């Protein structure tokens, strides 16, 4: 039978990997939103920024 320390260690490693993946996806989504916003703003007239 597998001991509790090994199970706890495995769970902690899995949680760490999951956290890293979520952070990477969040950063990627943020940069994609920024690119889309910048691309949209380039096509707008100057009066749009003043509103």
Protein backbone atom coordinates (compact mmCIF):
# COMPACT_ATOMS: atom_id res chain seq x y z
CA UNK A 1 0.00 0.00 0.00
CA UNK A 2 1.20 3.52 -0.77
CA UNK A 3 2.02 5.64 2.26
CA UNK A 4 0.29 8.93 3.08
CA UNK A 5 3.41 11.04 2.49
CA UNK A 6 3.60 9.81 -1.11
CA UNK A 7 -0.11 10.53 -1.71
CA UNK A 8 0.18 13.98 -0.17
CA UNK A 9 3.33 14.70 -2.20
CA UNK A 10 1.60 13.61 -5.41
CA UNK A 11 -1.40 15.81 -4.70
CA UNK A 12 0.85 18.81 -4.02
CA UNK A 13 2.79 18.24 -7.26
CA UNK A 14 -0.45 17.94 -9.21
CA UNK A 15 -1.77 21.16 -7.63
CA UNK A 16 1.46 22.98 -8.50
CA UNK A 17 1.33 21.84 -12.13
CA UNK A 18 -2.34 22.84 -12.38
CA UNK A 19 -1.58 26.28 -10.92
CA UNK A 20 1.25 26.85 -13.42
CA UNK A 21 -0.97 25.89 -16.36
CA UNK A 22 -3.77 28.22 -15.18
CA UNK A 23 -1.31 31.12 -14.77
CA UNK A 24 0.15 30.59 -18.24
CA UNK A 25 -3.31 30.48 -19.83
CA UNK A 26 -4.37 33.62 -17.92
CA UNK A 27 -1.30 35.54 -19.13
CA UNK A 28 -1.93 34.39 -22.68
CA UNK A 29 -5.56 35.49 -22.54
CA UNK A 30 -4.54 38.88 -21.15
CA UNK A 31 -2.02 39.45 -23.97
CA UNK A 32 -4.58 38.35 -26.58
CA UNK A 33 -7.12 40.84 -25.19
CA UNK A 34 -4.50 43.59 -25.29
CA UNK A 35 -3.62 42.80 -28.91
CA UNK A 36 -7.29 42.81 -29.89
CA UNK A 37 -7.89 46.12 -28.09
CA UNK A 38 -4.84 47.72 -29.70
CA UNK A 39 -5.83 46.46 -33.13
CA UNK A 40 -9.36 47.83 -32.63
CA UNK A 41 -8.13 51.21 -31.38
CA UNK A 42 -5.83 51.68 -34.40
CA UNK A 43 -8.85 51.76 -36.71
CA UNK A 44 -10.80 54.26 -34.60
CA UNK A 45 -10.83 58.01 -35.29
CA UNK A 46 -9.20 60.31 -32.73
CA UNK A 47 -12.57 61.62 -31.51
CA UNK A 48 -13.36 58.11 -30.25
CA UNK A 49 -10.54 58.31 -27.67
CA UNK A 50 -11.87 61.60 -26.23
CA UNK A 51 -15.29 60.12 -25.43
